[in-house]
Amino acid sequence: MKFLTGLFICFLLMSCTSTSLVDFWKNPDIDSYNVNKVLIVGISPNIASRQKFEQKMKQELEQRGVEAIASYELLDPSFGQEAKTEAQLTNLEDQLLEDGFDTIFLTKIIGVENKVAYKSKNDFYNESYRNFNEDFFNNQEIYHKPEYYDIYTVYHAETSMYCICPTKERELIWKGYIDIIDPHSTDETVKDYINLITAVLEEQLLIKPLSQVEKINTDEIN
């Protein structure tokens, strides 16, 4: 099973999308988890992108039988505009608990980097030049060709899954670090990001896979 898990994670790490899983942590005291009602919170000054992300994540979780609420549906629009004290956030958790929530998903951008990717011959890394003349002659295009390299942006994101269950401590269940590579379409980026997150959470037994939910629904109909 551990071998299969390793293969699965490697597949996600090498997935050819605009997002890639860099690392993740799962609470070692939790083998599996059952989400019933979750609040989805995206921290971003871009309101449209945040709402799009929360709505898409909500839809994915609802397909898995989870009651999911986006933060923009529940919290006051001014919620993120003023700094909150720890006491205010504790009161929010208490209210969520009273309203039947057991989980919070929190997603945020934690860093941005500009990267440079150099273009070259296929044998660039294997080529050895015996003298300066040969080396300079074969690489002087770096001076003259702007297209010799690409500049792109990588956004470092983090998604955390917190338990606010009445019978357990309020603790971190899972945290994933995801790189968003040179995004050009908000819709595609959100789709790739959420597909990646949900796939990992399913594999880690933290949310139900779609196949399991569909089977339960089919059994109920029959």
N, C-alpha and C. Protein backbone atom coordinates (compact mmCIF):
# COMPACT_ATOMS: atom_id res chain seq x y z
N MET A 1 0.83 -1.21 0.00
CA MET A 1 0.00 0.00 0.00
C MET A 1 0.87 1.26 0.00
N LYS A 2 1.96 1.23 0.82
CA LYS A 2 2.84 2.38 0.86
C LYS A 2 3.51 2.60 -0.48
N PHE A 3 3.83 1.48 -1.18
CA PHE A 3 4.45 1.57 -2.50
C PHE A 3 3.50 2.25 -3.48
N LEU A 4 2.22 1.85 -3.45
CA LEU A 4 1.23 2.45 -4.34
C LEU A 4 1.03 3.92 -4.01
N THR A 5 1.05 4.24 -2.72
CA THR A 5 0.92 5.64 -2.30
C THR A 5 2.06 6.47 -2.86
N GLY A 6 3.28 5.91 -2.79
CA GLY A 6 4.43 6.61 -3.32
C GLY A 6 4.31 6.87 -4.80
N LEU A 7 3.83 5.87 -5.56
CA LEU A 7 3.65 6.05 -7.00
C LEU A 7 2.61 7.13 -7.29
N PHE A 8 1.55 7.13 -6.50
CA PHE A 8 0.47 8.11 -6.70
C PHE A 8 0.99 9.54 -6.48
N ILE A 9 1.76 9.71 -5.40
CA ILE A 9 2.29 11.03 -5.10
C ILE A 9 3.27 11.47 -6.17
N CYS A 10 4.10 10.54 -6.66
CA CYS A 10 5.04 10.87 -7.73
C CYS A 10 4.29 11.33 -8.98
N PHE A 11 3.18 10.66 -9.27
CA PHE A 11 2.37 11.04 -10.43
C PHE A 11 1.86 12.47 -10.28
N LEU A 12 1.41 12.82 -9.07
CA LEU A 12 0.90 14.17 -8.84
C LEU A 12 2.02 15.20 -8.96
N LEU A 13 3.19 14.85 -8.45
CA LEU A 13 4.32 15.77 -8.51
C LEU A 13 4.73 16.06 -9.95
N MET A 14 4.56 15.09 -10.84
CA MET A 14 4.99 15.26 -12.23
C MET A 14 3.84 15.62 -13.16
N SER A 15 2.66 15.86 -12.60
CA SER A 15 1.48 16.13 -13.41
C SER A 15 1.68 17.39 -14.26
N CYS A 16 1.34 17.29 -15.54
CA CYS A 16 1.58 18.39 -16.48
C CYS A 16 0.41 19.37 -16.47
N THR A 17 0.27 20.12 -15.40
CA THR A 17 -0.74 21.16 -15.31
C THR A 17 -0.06 22.42 -14.82
N SER A 18 -0.84 23.46 -14.60
CA SER A 18 -0.27 24.72 -14.12
C SER A 18 0.04 24.66 -12.62
N THR A 19 -0.28 23.57 -11.97
CA THR A 19 -0.01 23.44 -10.54
C THR A 19 0.79 22.17 -10.26
N SER A 20 1.58 22.22 -9.21
CA SER A 20 2.34 21.03 -8.81
C SER A 20 2.42 20.96 -7.30
N LEU A 21 2.31 19.76 -6.77
CA LEU A 21 2.40 19.54 -5.34
C LEU A 21 3.87 19.51 -4.94
N VAL A 22 4.27 20.41 -4.06
CA VAL A 22 5.65 20.49 -3.62
C VAL A 22 5.88 19.60 -2.40
N ASP A 23 4.95 19.66 -1.47
CA ASP A 23 5.08 18.88 -0.24
C ASP A 23 3.74 18.90 0.48
N PHE A 24 3.55 17.96 1.41
CA PHE A 24 2.35 18.00 2.25
C PHE A 24 2.65 17.34 3.58
N TRP A 25 1.80 17.63 4.56
CA TRP A 25 1.92 17.05 5.89
C TRP A 25 0.55 16.59 6.33
N LYS A 26 0.50 15.39 6.89
CA LYS A 26 -0.75 14.86 7.43
C LYS A 26 -0.55 14.54 8.90
N ASN A 27 -1.52 14.91 9.71
CA ASN A 27 -1.46 14.64 11.14
C ASN A 27 -1.27 13.14 11.37
N PRO A 28 -0.17 12.73 11.99
CA PRO A 28 0.10 11.29 12.16
C PRO A 28 -0.88 10.59 13.09
N ASP A 29 -1.64 11.36 13.85
CA ASP A 29 -2.62 10.77 14.78
C ASP A 29 -3.95 10.47 14.10
N ILE A 30 -4.08 10.87 12.82
CA ILE A 30 -5.35 10.70 12.11
C ILE A 30 -5.14 9.80 10.89
N ASP A 31 -5.73 8.62 10.92
CA ASP A 31 -5.65 7.71 9.77
C ASP A 31 -6.63 8.11 8.68
N SER A 32 -7.86 8.40 9.10
CA SER A 32 -8.90 8.82 8.16
C SER A 32 -9.77 9.86 8.84
N TYR A 33 -10.54 10.56 8.02
CA TYR A 33 -11.35 11.67 8.56
C TYR A 33 -12.64 11.75 7.77
N ASN A 34 -13.71 12.11 8.43
CA ASN A 34 -15.00 12.21 7.78
C ASN A 34 -15.51 13.65 7.88
N VAL A 35 -15.47 14.36 6.76
CA VAL A 35 -15.95 15.74 6.71
C VAL A 35 -17.46 15.75 6.53
N ASN A 36 -18.15 16.47 7.38
CA ASN A 36 -19.61 16.59 7.25
C ASN A 36 -20.03 17.98 6.79
N LYS A 37 -19.49 19.00 7.45
CA LYS A 37 -19.85 20.38 7.10
C LYS A 37 -18.59 21.24 7.18
N VAL A 38 -18.27 21.89 6.07
CA VAL A 38 -17.00 22.60 5.98
C VAL A 38 -17.18 24.04 5.52
N LEU A 39 -16.37 24.91 6.09
CA LEU A 39 -16.29 26.30 5.63
C LEU A 39 -15.04 26.43 4.77
N ILE A 40 -15.19 26.98 3.57
CA ILE A 40 -14.06 27.15 2.64
C ILE A 40 -13.66 28.62 2.64
N VAL A 41 -12.41 28.89 3.01
CA VAL A 41 -11.93 30.26 3.12
C VAL A 41 -10.71 30.44 2.22
N GLY A 42 -10.80 31.40 1.31
CA GLY A 42 -9.65 31.80 0.50
C GLY A 42 -9.21 33.19 0.92
N ILE A 43 -7.92 33.34 1.18
CA ILE A 43 -7.40 34.66 1.55
C ILE A 43 -6.77 35.28 0.31
N SER A 44 -7.41 36.31 -0.22
CA SER A 44 -6.89 36.99 -1.41
C SER A 44 -7.55 38.36 -1.53
N PRO A 45 -6.77 39.38 -1.93
CA PRO A 45 -7.37 40.69 -2.14
C PRO A 45 -8.21 40.74 -3.42
N ASN A 46 -8.01 39.74 -4.30
CA ASN A 46 -8.78 39.67 -5.54
C ASN A 46 -10.10 38.94 -5.25
N ILE A 47 -11.15 39.71 -5.08
CA ILE A 47 -12.43 39.15 -4.65
C ILE A 47 -12.99 38.17 -5.67
N ALA A 48 -12.91 38.52 -6.95
CA ALA A 48 -13.48 37.65 -8.00
C ALA A 48 -12.77 36.30 -8.02
N SER A 49 -11.44 36.30 -7.96
CA SER A 49 -10.68 35.05 -7.97
C SER A 49 -10.96 34.22 -6.72
N ARG A 50 -11.04 34.90 -5.59
CA ARG A 50 -11.32 34.19 -4.33
C ARG A 50 -12.68 33.52 -4.38
N GLN A 51 -13.68 34.23 -4.85
CA GLN A 51 -15.03 33.66 -4.91
C GLN A 51 -15.09 32.50 -5.91
N LYS A 52 -14.37 32.64 -7.02
CA LYS A 52 -14.35 31.58 -8.02
C LYS A 52 -13.73 30.31 -7.43
N PHE A 53 -12.63 30.49 -6.69
CA PHE A 53 -11.97 29.35 -6.06
C PHE A 53 -12.88 28.70 -5.03
N GLU A 54 -13.48 29.49 -4.16
CA GLU A 54 -14.33 28.95 -3.11
C GLU A 54 -15.54 28.22 -3.69
N GLN A 55 -16.12 28.78 -4.75
CA GLN A 55 -17.29 28.16 -5.37
C GLN A 55 -16.94 26.82 -5.99
N LYS A 56 -15.80 26.77 -6.68
CA LYS A 56 -15.38 25.52 -7.32
C LYS A 56 -15.05 24.45 -6.28
N MET A 57 -14.39 24.85 -5.21
CA MET A 57 -14.07 23.90 -4.14
C MET A 57 -15.35 23.41 -3.47
N LYS A 58 -16.29 24.29 -3.31
CA LYS A 58 -17.59 23.92 -2.74
C LYS A 58 -18.27 22.86 -3.61
N GLN A 59 -18.27 23.06 -4.91
CA GLN A 59 -18.92 22.10 -5.82
C GLN A 59 -18.25 20.73 -5.74
N GLU A 60 -16.92 20.71 -5.69
CA GLU A 60 -16.20 19.44 -5.61
C GLU A 60 -16.53 18.68 -4.33
N LEU A 61 -16.62 19.39 -3.22
CA LEU A 61 -16.91 18.74 -1.94
C LEU A 61 -18.37 18.29 -1.88
N GLU A 62 -19.27 19.09 -2.45
CA GLU A 62 -20.68 18.71 -2.45
C GLU A 62 -20.90 17.43 -3.24
N GLN A 63 -20.14 17.24 -4.30
CA GLN A 63 -20.24 16.00 -5.08
C GLN A 63 -19.84 14.78 -4.25
N ARG A 64 -19.08 15.03 -3.20
CA ARG A 64 -18.62 13.95 -2.33
C ARG A 64 -19.48 13.82 -1.07
N GLY A 65 -20.66 14.42 -1.10
CA GLY A 65 -21.60 14.29 -0.01
C GLY A 65 -21.35 15.19 1.18
N VAL A 66 -20.50 16.21 0.99
CA VAL A 66 -20.16 17.13 2.08
C VAL A 66 -21.03 18.39 1.98
N GLU A 67 -21.49 18.87 3.11
CA GLU A 67 -22.17 20.17 3.13
C GLU A 67 -21.09 21.24 3.18
N ALA A 68 -20.93 21.97 2.10
CA ALA A 68 -19.84 22.94 1.98
C ALA A 68 -20.40 24.35 1.82
N ILE A 69 -19.79 25.29 2.55
CA ILE A 69 -20.20 26.69 2.50
C ILE A 69 -18.98 27.54 2.18
N ALA A 70 -19.09 28.40 1.16
CA ALA A 70 -18.02 29.33 0.83
C ALA A 70 -18.05 30.50 1.80
N SER A 71 -16.89 31.04 2.13
CA SER A 71 -16.84 32.11 3.12
C SER A 71 -17.63 33.33 2.68
N TYR A 72 -17.64 33.62 1.36
CA TYR A 72 -18.36 34.81 0.91
C TYR A 72 -19.87 34.66 1.07
N GLU A 73 -20.35 33.41 1.22
CA GLU A 73 -21.78 33.19 1.43
C GLU A 73 -22.17 33.37 2.90
N LEU A 74 -21.21 33.19 3.79
CA LEU A 74 -21.51 33.16 5.21
C LEU A 74 -21.03 34.39 5.97
N LEU A 75 -19.82 34.82 5.65
CA LEU A 75 -19.20 35.90 6.41
C LEU A 75 -19.55 37.26 5.81
N ASP A 76 -19.48 38.27 6.64
CA ASP A 76 -19.75 39.63 6.18
C ASP A 76 -18.72 40.02 5.12
N PRO A 77 -19.13 40.74 4.06
CA PRO A 77 -18.18 41.14 3.00
C PRO A 77 -16.97 41.90 3.52
N SER A 78 -17.09 42.54 4.67
CA SER A 78 -15.99 43.32 5.23
C SER A 78 -15.06 42.46 6.10
N PHE A 79 -15.32 41.14 6.14
CA PHE A 79 -14.57 40.26 7.05
C PHE A 79 -13.06 40.38 6.88
N GLY A 80 -12.58 40.39 5.65
CA GLY A 80 -11.14 40.41 5.42
C GLY A 80 -10.55 41.80 5.32
N GLN A 81 -11.35 42.84 5.51
CA GLN A 81 -10.87 44.20 5.32
C GLN A 81 -10.27 44.79 6.59
N GLU A 82 -10.61 44.21 7.72
CA GLU A 82 -10.08 44.70 8.99
C GLU A 82 -9.38 43.57 9.73
N ALA A 83 -8.28 43.90 10.40
CA ALA A 83 -7.53 42.89 11.15
C ALA A 83 -8.41 42.34 12.28
N LYS A 84 -8.34 41.03 12.48
CA LYS A 84 -9.13 40.36 13.51
C LYS A 84 -8.21 39.95 14.67
N THR A 85 -8.72 40.03 15.87
CA THR A 85 -7.98 39.57 17.03
C THR A 85 -8.15 38.06 17.16
N GLU A 86 -7.27 37.41 17.94
CA GLU A 86 -7.42 35.98 18.17
C GLU A 86 -8.73 35.67 18.87
N ALA A 87 -9.16 36.57 19.75
CA ALA A 87 -10.43 36.36 20.45
C ALA A 87 -11.60 36.37 19.46
N GLN A 88 -11.57 37.27 18.49
CA GLN A 88 -12.64 37.34 17.49
C GLN A 88 -12.67 36.06 16.65
N LEU A 89 -11.49 35.55 16.31
CA LEU A 89 -11.43 34.33 15.50
C LEU A 89 -11.87 33.12 16.31
N THR A 90 -11.56 33.12 17.60
CA THR A 90 -12.04 32.03 18.46
C THR A 90 -13.56 32.07 18.55
N ASN A 91 -14.11 33.26 18.64
CA ASN A 91 -15.57 33.40 18.67
C ASN A 91 -16.19 32.91 17.36
N LEU A 92 -15.50 33.17 16.25
CA LEU A 92 -15.99 32.68 14.96
C LEU A 92 -16.00 31.15 14.95
N GLU A 93 -14.94 30.54 15.43
CA GLU A 93 -14.89 29.08 15.51
C GLU A 93 -16.02 28.53 16.38
N ASP A 94 -16.25 29.18 17.50
CA ASP A 94 -17.32 28.75 18.40
C ASP A 94 -18.68 28.81 17.70
N GLN A 95 -18.88 29.88 16.93
CA GLN A 95 -20.15 30.03 16.22
C GLN A 95 -20.29 28.97 15.13
N LEU A 96 -19.19 28.69 14.44
CA LEU A 96 -19.21 27.65 13.41
C LEU A 96 -19.53 26.29 14.02
N LEU A 97 -18.93 26.02 15.16
CA LEU A 97 -19.17 24.77 15.86
C LEU A 97 -20.64 24.65 16.26
N GLU A 98 -21.17 25.75 16.74
CA GLU A 98 -22.59 25.78 17.14
C GLU A 98 -23.50 25.55 15.94
N ASP A 99 -23.06 25.99 14.76
CA ASP A 99 -23.86 25.84 13.54
C ASP A 99 -23.63 24.51 12.83
N GLY A 100 -22.86 23.62 13.45
CA GLY A 100 -22.69 22.27 12.91
C GLY A 100 -21.47 22.06 12.04
N PHE A 101 -20.61 23.07 11.89
CA PHE A 101 -19.39 22.89 11.11
C PHE A 101 -18.40 22.02 11.88
N ASP A 102 -17.66 21.20 11.15
CA ASP A 102 -16.61 20.42 11.80
C ASP A 102 -15.23 20.62 11.16
N THR A 103 -15.19 21.35 10.02
CA THR A 103 -13.93 21.49 9.28
C THR A 103 -13.84 22.87 8.64
N ILE A 104 -12.61 23.36 8.54
CA ILE A 104 -12.33 24.59 7.80
C ILE A 104 -11.21 24.31 6.80
N PHE A 105 -11.42 24.72 5.55
CA PHE A 105 -10.36 24.70 4.54
C PHE A 105 -9.88 26.14 4.36
N LEU A 106 -8.59 26.35 4.52
CA LEU A 106 -8.02 27.69 4.38
C LEU A 106 -6.94 27.66 3.31
N THR A 107 -7.07 28.52 2.29
CA THR A 107 -6.11 28.57 1.19
C THR A 107 -5.58 29.98 1.03
N LYS A 108 -4.27 30.09 0.83
CA LYS A 108 -3.66 31.42 0.68
C LYS A 108 -2.38 31.32 -0.15
N ILE A 109 -1.98 32.45 -0.72
CA ILE A 109 -0.70 32.58 -1.40
C ILE A 109 0.33 32.98 -0.36
N ILE A 110 1.45 32.25 -0.30
CA ILE A 110 2.46 32.54 0.73
C ILE A 110 3.76 33.09 0.12
N GLY A 111 3.83 33.19 -1.20
CA GLY A 111 5.02 33.74 -1.81
C GLY A 111 4.92 33.78 -3.32
N VAL A 112 5.72 34.65 -3.94
CA VAL A 112 5.75 34.79 -5.40
C VAL A 112 7.20 34.91 -5.84
N GLU A 113 7.56 34.18 -6.90
CA GLU A 113 8.92 34.23 -7.42
C GLU A 113 8.90 34.42 -8.93
N ASN A 114 9.84 35.21 -9.43
CA ASN A 114 10.07 35.29 -10.87
C ASN A 114 11.21 34.35 -11.22
N LYS A 115 10.98 33.48 -12.20
CA LYS A 115 11.96 32.49 -12.60
C LYS A 115 12.44 32.76 -14.02
N VAL A 116 13.64 32.29 -14.33
CA VAL A 116 14.19 32.40 -15.67
C VAL A 116 14.54 31.00 -16.16
N ALA A 117 14.01 30.63 -17.32
CA ALA A 117 14.31 29.34 -17.93
C ALA A 117 15.09 29.59 -19.22
N TYR A 118 16.30 29.08 -19.29
CA TYR A 118 17.15 29.30 -20.45
C TYR A 118 16.92 28.22 -21.51
N LYS A 119 16.85 28.66 -22.77
CA LYS A 119 16.72 27.74 -23.89
C LYS A 119 18.13 27.43 -24.42
N SER A 120 18.31 26.21 -24.89
CA SER A 120 19.62 25.86 -25.41
C SER A 120 19.53 24.60 -26.25
N LYS A 121 20.65 24.17 -26.76
CA LYS A 121 20.70 22.92 -27.51
C LYS A 121 20.38 21.76 -26.58
N ASN A 122 19.91 20.66 -27.14
CA ASN A 122 19.56 19.51 -26.33
C ASN A 122 20.75 18.95 -25.55
N ASP A 123 21.97 19.16 -26.11
CA ASP A 123 23.13 18.58 -25.46
C ASP A 123 23.85 19.58 -24.56
N PHE A 124 23.12 20.64 -24.16
CA PHE A 124 23.72 21.73 -23.40
C PHE A 124 24.46 21.23 -22.16
N TYR A 125 23.79 20.36 -21.39
CA TYR A 125 24.37 19.94 -20.12
C TYR A 125 25.49 18.91 -20.29
N ASN A 126 25.60 18.33 -21.49
CA ASN A 126 26.61 17.30 -21.72
C ASN A 126 27.80 17.84 -22.50
N GLU A 127 27.70 19.10 -22.95
CA GLU A 127 28.72 19.65 -23.82
C GLU A 127 29.91 20.15 -23.02
N SER A 128 31.09 19.79 -23.43
CA SER A 128 32.32 20.28 -22.81
C SER A 128 33.15 20.96 -23.89
N TYR A 129 33.56 22.18 -23.63
CA TYR A 129 34.37 22.92 -24.59
C TYR A 129 35.83 22.90 -24.15
N ARG A 130 36.70 22.72 -25.13
CA ARG A 130 38.12 22.59 -24.82
C ARG A 130 38.81 23.95 -24.69
N ASN A 131 38.19 24.99 -25.23
CA ASN A 131 38.84 26.30 -25.12
C ASN A 131 37.78 27.41 -25.13
N PHE A 132 38.22 28.60 -24.79
CA PHE A 132 37.34 29.76 -24.69
C PHE A 132 36.66 30.06 -26.02
N ASN A 133 37.45 30.00 -27.11
CA ASN A 133 36.95 30.34 -28.43
C ASN A 133 35.70 29.53 -28.77
N GLU A 134 35.79 28.23 -28.59
CA GLU A 134 34.67 27.33 -28.92
C GLU A 134 33.47 27.57 -28.02
N ASP A 135 33.74 27.73 -26.73
CA ASP A 135 32.67 27.95 -25.75
C ASP A 135 31.93 29.24 -26.05
N PHE A 136 32.67 30.34 -26.23
CA PHE A 136 32.04 31.63 -26.48
C PHE A 136 31.28 31.63 -27.80
N PHE A 137 31.91 31.06 -28.86
CA PHE A 137 31.29 31.05 -30.18
C PHE A 137 29.93 30.35 -30.16
N ASN A 138 29.82 29.24 -29.45
CA ASN A 138 28.59 28.46 -29.43
C ASN A 138 27.52 29.01 -28.50
N ASN A 139 27.85 29.98 -27.68
CA ASN A 139 26.87 30.48 -26.71
C ASN A 139 26.68 31.99 -26.75
N GLN A 140 27.26 32.68 -27.73
CA GLN A 140 27.17 34.13 -27.77
C GLN A 140 25.78 34.63 -28.11
N GLU A 141 24.90 33.76 -28.56
CA GLU A 141 23.52 34.17 -28.85
C GLU A 141 22.80 34.66 -27.60
N ILE A 142 23.31 34.31 -26.44
CA ILE A 142 22.70 34.80 -25.19
C ILE A 142 22.68 36.33 -25.20
N TYR A 143 23.70 36.95 -25.78
CA TYR A 143 23.78 38.41 -25.86
C TYR A 143 22.68 39.00 -26.74
N HIS A 144 22.41 38.31 -27.83
CA HIS A 144 21.66 38.94 -28.93
C HIS A 144 20.22 38.47 -29.10
N LYS A 145 19.84 37.40 -28.42
CA LYS A 145 18.50 36.85 -28.63
C LYS A 145 17.69 36.89 -27.35
N PRO A 146 16.75 37.82 -27.24
CA PRO A 146 15.89 37.88 -26.05
C PRO A 146 15.11 36.59 -25.85
N GLU A 147 14.80 35.90 -26.96
CA GLU A 147 14.02 34.67 -26.86
C GLU A 147 14.85 33.51 -26.34
N TYR A 148 16.13 33.76 -26.04
CA TYR A 148 16.99 32.70 -25.53
C TYR A 148 16.52 32.21 -24.16
N TYR A 149 15.77 33.05 -23.47
CA TYR A 149 15.27 32.65 -22.16
C TYR A 149 13.83 33.12 -21.97
N ASP A 150 13.12 32.45 -21.11
CA ASP A 150 11.75 32.82 -20.74
C ASP A 150 11.73 33.25 -19.28
N ILE A 151 11.00 34.31 -19.01
CA ILE A 151 10.78 34.74 -17.63
C ILE A 151 9.35 34.38 -17.26
N TYR A 152 9.17 33.67 -16.17
CA TYR A 152 7.82 33.27 -15.76
C TYR A 152 7.68 33.41 -14.24
N THR A 153 6.45 33.37 -13.79
CA THR A 153 6.15 33.60 -12.38
C THR A 153 5.62 32.33 -11.72
N VAL A 154 6.10 32.07 -10.52
CA VAL A 154 5.61 30.94 -9.73
C VAL A 154 4.99 31.47 -8.45
N TYR A 155 3.74 31.11 -8.22
CA TYR A 155 3.04 31.48 -6.98
C TYR A 155 3.08 30.27 -6.04
N HIS A 156 3.53 30.51 -4.83
CA HIS A 156 3.58 29.45 -3.82
C HIS A 156 2.31 29.55 -2.96
N ALA A 157 1.50 28.51 -3.00
CA ALA A 157 0.22 28.51 -2.28
C ALA A 157 0.23 27.45 -1.19
N GLU A 158 -0.69 27.62 -0.27
CA GLU A 158 -0.80 26.67 0.85
C GLU A 158 -2.28 26.45 1.16
N THR A 159 -2.67 25.20 1.26
CA THR A 159 -4.03 24.85 1.69
C THR A 159 -3.95 24.04 2.97
N SER A 160 -4.71 24.45 3.97
CA SER A 160 -4.73 23.77 5.27
C SER A 160 -6.14 23.30 5.58
N MET A 161 -6.21 22.15 6.24
CA MET A 161 -7.48 21.55 6.63
C MET A 161 -7.50 21.46 8.15
N TYR A 162 -8.43 22.18 8.78
CA TYR A 162 -8.49 22.24 10.23
C TYR A 162 -9.76 21.58 10.76
N CYS A 163 -9.61 20.87 11.86
CA CYS A 163 -10.76 20.26 12.53
C CYS A 163 -11.26 21.20 13.61
N ILE A 164 -12.57 21.44 13.64
CA ILE A 164 -13.19 22.16 14.75
C ILE A 164 -14.30 21.28 15.35
N CYS A 165 -14.01 19.99 15.39
CA CYS A 165 -14.99 19.00 15.84
C CYS A 165 -15.29 19.15 17.33
N PRO A 166 -16.53 18.90 17.75
CA PRO A 166 -16.89 19.04 19.16
C PRO A 166 -16.22 18.02 20.07
N THR A 167 -15.87 16.85 19.54
CA THR A 167 -15.29 15.79 20.38
C THR A 167 -13.77 15.70 20.25
N LYS A 168 -13.16 16.62 19.48
CA LYS A 168 -11.72 16.60 19.30
C LYS A 168 -11.16 17.99 19.53
N GLU A 169 -9.82 18.05 19.71
CA GLU A 169 -9.17 19.34 19.80
C GLU A 169 -9.23 20.03 18.43
N ARG A 170 -9.22 21.34 18.47
CA ARG A 170 -9.19 22.09 17.22
C ARG A 170 -7.76 22.06 16.70
N GLU A 171 -7.53 21.25 15.70
CA GLU A 171 -6.16 20.99 15.28
C GLU A 171 -6.03 20.91 13.77
N LEU A 172 -4.78 21.00 13.34
CA LEU A 172 -4.46 20.87 11.92
C LEU A 172 -4.50 19.39 11.54
N ILE A 173 -5.24 19.10 10.47
CA ILE A 173 -5.35 17.73 9.97
C ILE A 173 -4.38 17.50 8.82
N TRP A 174 -4.33 18.47 7.91
CA TRP A 174 -3.51 18.31 6.70
C TRP A 174 -3.10 19.68 6.19
N LYS A 175 -1.89 19.74 5.62
CA LYS A 175 -1.43 20.97 4.99
C LYS A 175 -0.67 20.61 3.73
N GLY A 176 -0.97 21.29 2.63
CA GLY A 176 -0.29 21.04 1.36
C GLY A 176 0.32 22.31 0.81
N TYR A 177 1.50 22.17 0.21
CA TYR A 177 2.19 23.29 -0.42
C TYR A 177 2.17 23.06 -1.93
N ILE A 178 1.61 24.02 -2.64
CA ILE A 178 1.38 23.86 -4.08
C ILE A 178 1.98 25.04 -4.82
N ASP A 179 2.69 24.76 -5.91
CA ASP A 179 3.21 25.82 -6.77
C ASP A 179 2.27 26.00 -7.96
N ILE A 180 1.91 27.25 -8.21
CA ILE A 180 1.10 27.60 -9.38
C ILE A 180 2.05 28.26 -10.37
N ILE A 181 2.25 27.61 -11.52
CA ILE A 181 3.32 27.99 -12.42
C ILE A 181 2.79 28.82 -13.59
N ASP A 182 3.22 30.07 -13.62
CA ASP A 182 2.92 30.99 -14.72
C ASP A 182 1.47 30.92 -15.17
N PRO A 183 0.52 31.21 -14.27
CA PRO A 183 -0.90 31.08 -14.64
C PRO A 183 -1.33 32.13 -15.66
N HIS A 184 -2.15 31.72 -16.60
CA HIS A 184 -2.68 32.64 -17.61
C HIS A 184 -4.20 32.70 -17.59
N SER A 185 -4.83 31.65 -17.07
CA SER A 185 -6.29 31.59 -17.02
C SER A 185 -6.72 31.28 -15.59
N THR A 186 -7.52 32.15 -15.01
CA THR A 186 -8.00 31.91 -13.65
C THR A 186 -8.82 30.64 -13.58
N ASP A 187 -9.68 30.42 -14.58
CA ASP A 187 -10.54 29.24 -14.57
C ASP A 187 -9.71 27.95 -14.61
N GLU A 188 -8.71 27.90 -15.50
CA GLU A 188 -7.88 26.70 -15.63
C GLU A 188 -7.03 26.48 -14.39
N THR A 189 -6.50 27.57 -13.84
CA THR A 189 -5.67 27.47 -12.64
C THR A 189 -6.47 26.95 -11.46
N VAL A 190 -7.66 27.51 -11.26
CA VAL A 190 -8.53 27.06 -10.17
C VAL A 190 -8.89 25.59 -10.35
N LYS A 191 -9.22 25.21 -11.56
CA LYS A 191 -9.58 23.82 -11.85
C LYS A 191 -8.41 22.88 -11.54
N ASP A 192 -7.22 23.22 -12.04
CA ASP A 192 -6.04 22.37 -11.80
C ASP A 192 -5.71 22.28 -10.31
N TYR A 193 -5.78 23.40 -9.63
CA TYR A 193 -5.44 23.44 -8.20
C TYR A 193 -6.38 22.55 -7.40
N ILE A 194 -7.67 22.69 -7.64
CA ILE A 194 -8.64 21.92 -6.86
C ILE A 194 -8.60 20.44 -7.22
N ASN A 195 -8.39 20.13 -8.49
CA ASN A 195 -8.23 18.72 -8.88
C ASN A 195 -7.06 18.08 -8.14
N LEU A 196 -5.98 18.82 -8.02
CA LEU A 196 -4.81 18.32 -7.32
C LEU A 196 -5.09 18.11 -5.84
N ILE A 197 -5.68 19.11 -5.21
CA ILE A 197 -5.96 19.04 -3.77
C ILE A 197 -6.92 17.90 -3.45
N THR A 198 -8.00 17.80 -4.20
CA THR A 198 -9.00 16.77 -3.89
C THR A 198 -8.43 15.37 -4.13
N ALA A 199 -7.59 15.22 -5.16
CA ALA A 199 -6.98 13.91 -5.42
C ALA A 199 -6.10 13.47 -4.26
N VAL A 200 -5.31 14.39 -3.73
CA VAL A 200 -4.44 14.05 -2.60
C VAL A 200 -5.27 13.76 -1.35
N LEU A 201 -6.28 14.56 -1.08
CA LEU A 201 -7.11 14.34 0.10
C LEU A 201 -7.87 13.02 0.02
N GLU A 202 -8.30 12.66 -1.17
CA GLU A 202 -8.95 11.35 -1.34
C GLU A 202 -7.96 10.23 -1.02
N GLU A 203 -6.77 10.34 -1.58
CA GLU A 203 -5.76 9.30 -1.39
C GLU A 203 -5.34 9.18 0.08
N GLN A 204 -5.40 10.29 0.79
CA GLN A 204 -5.02 10.31 2.21
C GLN A 204 -6.20 9.98 3.13
N LEU A 205 -7.33 9.59 2.55
CA LEU A 205 -8.54 9.19 3.28
C LEU A 205 -9.10 10.33 4.14
N LEU A 206 -9.00 11.55 3.62
CA LEU A 206 -9.50 12.71 4.35
C LEU A 206 -10.81 13.24 3.77
N ILE A 207 -11.11 12.87 2.53
CA ILE A 207 -12.44 13.11 1.94
C ILE A 207 -12.81 11.86 1.15
N LYS A 208 -14.10 11.68 0.93
CA LYS A 208 -14.56 10.50 0.20
C LYS A 208 -14.28 10.65 -1.30
N PRO A 209 -13.82 9.60 -1.95
CA PRO A 209 -13.67 9.65 -3.40
C PRO A 209 -15.03 9.66 -4.08
N LEU A 210 -15.09 10.25 -5.26
CA LEU A 210 -16.35 10.32 -5.99
C LEU A 210 -16.93 8.94 -6.25
N SER A 211 -16.08 7.98 -6.55
CA SER A 211 -16.56 6.63 -6.86
C SER A 211 -17.31 6.02 -5.68
N GLN A 212 -16.85 6.30 -4.48
CA GLN A 212 -17.50 5.76 -3.29
C GLN A 212 -18.86 6.42 -3.07
N VAL A 213 -18.93 7.73 -3.27
CA VAL A 213 -20.19 8.46 -3.10
C VAL A 213 -21.20 8.00 -4.15
N GLU A 214 -20.75 7.82 -5.39
CA GLU A 214 -21.64 7.38 -6.46
C GLU A 214 -22.19 5.99 -6.17
N LYS A 215 -21.37 5.11 -5.60
CA LYS A 215 -21.80 3.77 -5.27
C LYS A 215 -22.88 3.79 -4.17
N ILE A 216 -22.66 4.65 -3.17
CA ILE A 216 -23.63 4.78 -2.08
C ILE A 216 -24.97 5.26 -2.63
N ASN A 217 -24.91 6.27 -3.52
CA ASN A 217 -26.14 6.81 -4.10
C ASN A 217 -26.87 5.76 -4.95
N THR A 218 -26.09 4.94 -5.68
CA THR A 218 -26.68 3.90 -6.52
C THR A 218 -27.35 2.84 -5.65
N ASP A 219 -26.69 2.45 -4.56
CA ASP A 219 -27.25 1.45 -3.64
C ASP A 219 -28.54 1.95 -3.01
N GLU A 220 -28.60 3.27 -2.69
CA GLU A 220 -29.81 3.83 -2.07
C GLU A 220 -30.97 3.80 -3.06
N ILE A 221 -30.67 4.06 -4.34
CA ILE A 221 -31.73 4.05 -5.36
C ILE A 221 -32.26 2.64 -5.56
N ASN A 222 -31.35 1.65 -5.56
CA ASN A 222 -31.76 0.27 -5.78
C ASN A 222 -32.41 -0.31 -4.52
